[in-house]
Amino acid sequence: MVERNPLTVDYYKRYQEIIEEYNRGKDEVVIKETFRKLIELVNSYSEEADTYREGLTDEQKP
């Protein structure tokens, strides 16, 4: 998908940052925050993938 949509590289970088942050500190607060960020990332990626599949241009996106 990275080849078809370069924006996925940004998602991959954000994912890597979240994982690195998780690996630095593993207390309960960090774990909860990590999962919150991962859920947010997945939701954001899903929305972007939907608009990509629909073939919407940047101007047409909500």
N, C-alpha and C. Protein backbone atom coordinates (compact mmCIF):
# COMPACT_ATOMS: atom_id res chain seq x y z
N MET A 1 0.82 -1.19 0.00
CA MET A 1 0.00 0.00 0.00
C MET A 1 0.87 1.26 0.00
N VAL A 2 2.07 1.16 0.57
CA VAL A 2 2.99 2.30 0.60
C VAL A 2 3.31 2.77 -0.81
N GLU A 3 3.47 1.82 -1.73
CA GLU A 3 3.78 2.18 -3.11
C GLU A 3 2.64 2.94 -3.77
N ARG A 4 1.41 2.57 -3.47
CA ARG A 4 0.25 3.23 -4.07
C ARG A 4 -0.10 4.52 -3.36
N ASN A 5 0.19 4.61 -2.07
CA ASN A 5 -0.20 5.77 -1.29
C ASN A 5 0.93 6.16 -0.35
N PRO A 6 1.73 7.14 -0.72
CA PRO A 6 2.88 7.54 0.10
C PRO A 6 2.50 8.00 1.50
N LEU A 7 1.25 8.37 1.72
CA LEU A 7 0.83 8.81 3.06
C LEU A 7 0.96 7.69 4.09
N THR A 8 0.96 6.44 3.63
CA THR A 8 1.09 5.35 4.58
C THR A 8 2.44 5.35 5.26
N VAL A 9 3.44 5.97 4.66
CA VAL A 9 4.75 6.09 5.29
C VAL A 9 4.62 6.91 6.56
N ASP A 10 3.82 7.98 6.52
CA ASP A 10 3.60 8.80 7.71
C ASP A 10 2.96 7.97 8.82
N TYR A 11 2.02 7.13 8.47
CA TYR A 11 1.38 6.27 9.47
C TYR A 11 2.39 5.29 10.06
N TYR A 12 3.25 4.76 9.21
CA TYR A 12 4.26 3.82 9.69
C TYR A 12 5.21 4.53 10.65
N LYS A 13 5.63 5.74 10.33
CA LYS A 13 6.51 6.50 11.21
C LYS A 13 5.83 6.78 12.55
N ARG A 14 4.57 7.17 12.51
CA ARG A 14 3.83 7.42 13.75
C ARG A 14 3.73 6.15 14.58
N TYR A 15 3.47 5.02 13.91
CA TYR A 15 3.39 3.74 14.59
C TYR A 15 4.72 3.42 15.28
N GLN A 16 5.82 3.63 14.57
CA GLN A 16 7.15 3.36 15.14
C GLN A 16 7.41 4.25 16.36
N GLU A 17 7.01 5.51 16.29
CA GLU A 17 7.19 6.42 17.42
C GLU A 17 6.40 5.95 18.63
N ILE A 18 5.19 5.50 18.41
CA ILE A 18 4.35 5.01 19.51
C ILE A 18 5.00 3.80 20.16
N ILE A 19 5.49 2.87 19.35
CA ILE A 19 6.12 1.66 19.88
C ILE A 19 7.40 2.00 20.64
N GLU A 20 8.20 2.90 20.10
CA GLU A 20 9.43 3.30 20.79
C GLU A 20 9.11 3.93 22.15
N GLU A 21 8.08 4.76 22.17
CA GLU A 21 7.65 5.39 23.42
C GLU A 21 7.21 4.33 24.43
N TYR A 22 6.48 3.34 23.94
CA TYR A 22 6.03 2.25 24.80
C TYR A 22 7.23 1.49 25.37
N ASN A 23 8.21 1.21 24.55
CA ASN A 23 9.38 0.45 24.99
C ASN A 23 10.23 1.20 26.01
N ARG A 24 10.17 2.53 26.00
CA ARG A 24 10.95 3.32 26.96
C ARG A 24 10.38 3.24 28.37
N GLY A 25 9.09 3.16 28.50
CA GLY A 25 8.48 3.14 29.82
C GLY A 25 7.27 2.24 29.83
N LYS A 26 7.29 1.28 30.73
CA LYS A 26 6.22 0.28 30.69
C LYS A 26 5.35 0.30 31.95
N ASP A 27 5.11 1.48 32.51
CA ASP A 27 4.19 1.52 33.64
C ASP A 27 2.75 1.57 33.11
N GLU A 28 1.80 1.45 33.98
CA GLU A 28 0.40 1.34 33.58
C GLU A 28 -0.07 2.56 32.79
N VAL A 29 0.36 3.74 33.18
CA VAL A 29 -0.05 4.96 32.49
C VAL A 29 0.47 4.95 31.05
N VAL A 30 1.72 4.56 30.87
CA VAL A 30 2.32 4.52 29.53
C VAL A 30 1.62 3.48 28.66
N ILE A 31 1.31 2.35 29.24
CA ILE A 31 0.62 1.29 28.48
C ILE A 31 -0.76 1.77 28.03
N LYS A 32 -1.51 2.39 28.92
CA LYS A 32 -2.84 2.90 28.55
C LYS A 32 -2.74 3.97 27.48
N GLU A 33 -1.77 4.86 27.62
CA GLU A 33 -1.59 5.92 26.63
C GLU A 33 -1.16 5.34 25.28
N THR A 34 -0.33 4.32 25.32
CA THR A 34 0.10 3.68 24.08
C THR A 34 -1.07 3.08 23.34
N PHE A 35 -1.93 2.37 24.06
CA PHE A 35 -3.09 1.76 23.39
C PHE A 35 -4.06 2.82 22.89
N ARG A 36 -4.20 3.92 23.62
CA ARG A 36 -5.06 5.00 23.17
C ARG A 36 -4.53 5.57 21.86
N LYS A 37 -3.21 5.79 21.79
CA LYS A 37 -2.60 6.32 20.58
C LYS A 37 -2.72 5.34 19.41
N LEU A 38 -2.55 4.05 19.69
CA LEU A 38 -2.67 3.05 18.63
C LEU A 38 -4.09 3.01 18.06
N ILE A 39 -5.08 3.09 18.94
CA ILE A 39 -6.47 3.10 18.49
C ILE A 39 -6.74 4.34 17.65
N GLU A 40 -6.23 5.48 18.10
CA GLU A 40 -6.39 6.72 17.34
C GLU A 40 -5.72 6.61 15.97
N LEU A 41 -4.54 6.02 15.93
CA LEU A 41 -3.82 5.84 14.68
C LEU A 41 -4.59 4.93 13.72
N VAL A 42 -5.10 3.83 14.23
CA VAL A 42 -5.86 2.89 13.39
C VAL A 42 -7.12 3.57 12.85
N ASN A 43 -7.81 4.31 13.69
CA ASN A 43 -9.02 5.00 13.23
C ASN A 43 -8.69 6.02 12.15
N SER A 44 -7.62 6.76 12.36
CA SER A 44 -7.20 7.76 11.38
C SER A 44 -6.81 7.09 10.07
N TYR A 45 -6.07 6.01 10.15
CA TYR A 45 -5.64 5.29 8.95
C TYR A 45 -6.85 4.71 8.22
N SER A 46 -7.81 4.19 8.96
CA SER A 46 -9.01 3.62 8.34
C SER A 46 -9.77 4.68 7.57
N GLU A 47 -9.90 5.88 8.15
CA GLU A 47 -10.59 6.97 7.46
C GLU A 47 -9.84 7.36 6.18
N GLU A 48 -8.53 7.45 6.26
CA GLU A 48 -7.72 7.80 5.10
C GLU A 48 -7.83 6.72 4.02
N ALA A 49 -7.80 5.46 4.43
CA ALA A 49 -7.91 4.36 3.48
C ALA A 49 -9.27 4.37 2.78
N ASP A 50 -10.32 4.70 3.53
CA ASP A 50 -11.66 4.76 2.93
C ASP A 50 -11.72 5.83 1.85
N THR A 51 -11.18 7.02 2.14
CA THR A 51 -11.23 8.08 1.13
C THR A 51 -10.34 7.74 -0.05
N TYR A 52 -9.24 7.05 0.20
CA TYR A 52 -8.35 6.64 -0.90
C TYR A 52 -9.06 5.64 -1.80
N ARG A 53 -9.75 4.67 -1.19
CA ARG A 53 -10.47 3.66 -1.97
C ARG A 53 -11.59 4.29 -2.78
N GLU A 54 -12.22 5.33 -2.20
CA GLU A 54 -13.32 5.99 -2.91
C GLU A 54 -12.81 6.90 -4.02
N GLY A 55 -11.51 7.12 -4.06
CA GLY A 55 -10.92 7.94 -5.11
C GLY A 55 -11.16 9.43 -4.94
N LEU A 56 -11.38 9.87 -3.71
CA LEU A 56 -11.62 11.29 -3.47
C LEU A 56 -10.32 12.09 -3.55
N THR A 57 -10.41 13.27 -4.09
CA THR A 57 -9.27 14.17 -4.09
C THR A 57 -9.24 14.90 -2.75
N ASP A 58 -8.13 15.62 -2.48
CA ASP A 58 -8.04 16.38 -1.24
C ASP A 58 -9.18 17.38 -1.09
N GLU A 59 -9.60 17.97 -2.19
CA GLU A 59 -10.70 18.95 -2.15
C GLU A 59 -12.04 18.29 -1.83
N GLN A 60 -12.21 17.05 -2.20
CA GLN A 60 -13.48 16.34 -1.99
C GLN A 60 -13.59 15.71 -0.61
N LYS A 61 -12.46 15.57 0.08
CA LYS A 61 -12.48 14.93 1.40
C LYS A 61 -13.24 15.81 2.39
N PRO A 62 -13.94 15.18 3.32
CA PRO A 62 -14.70 15.96 4.31
C PRO A 62 -13.80 16.72 5.26
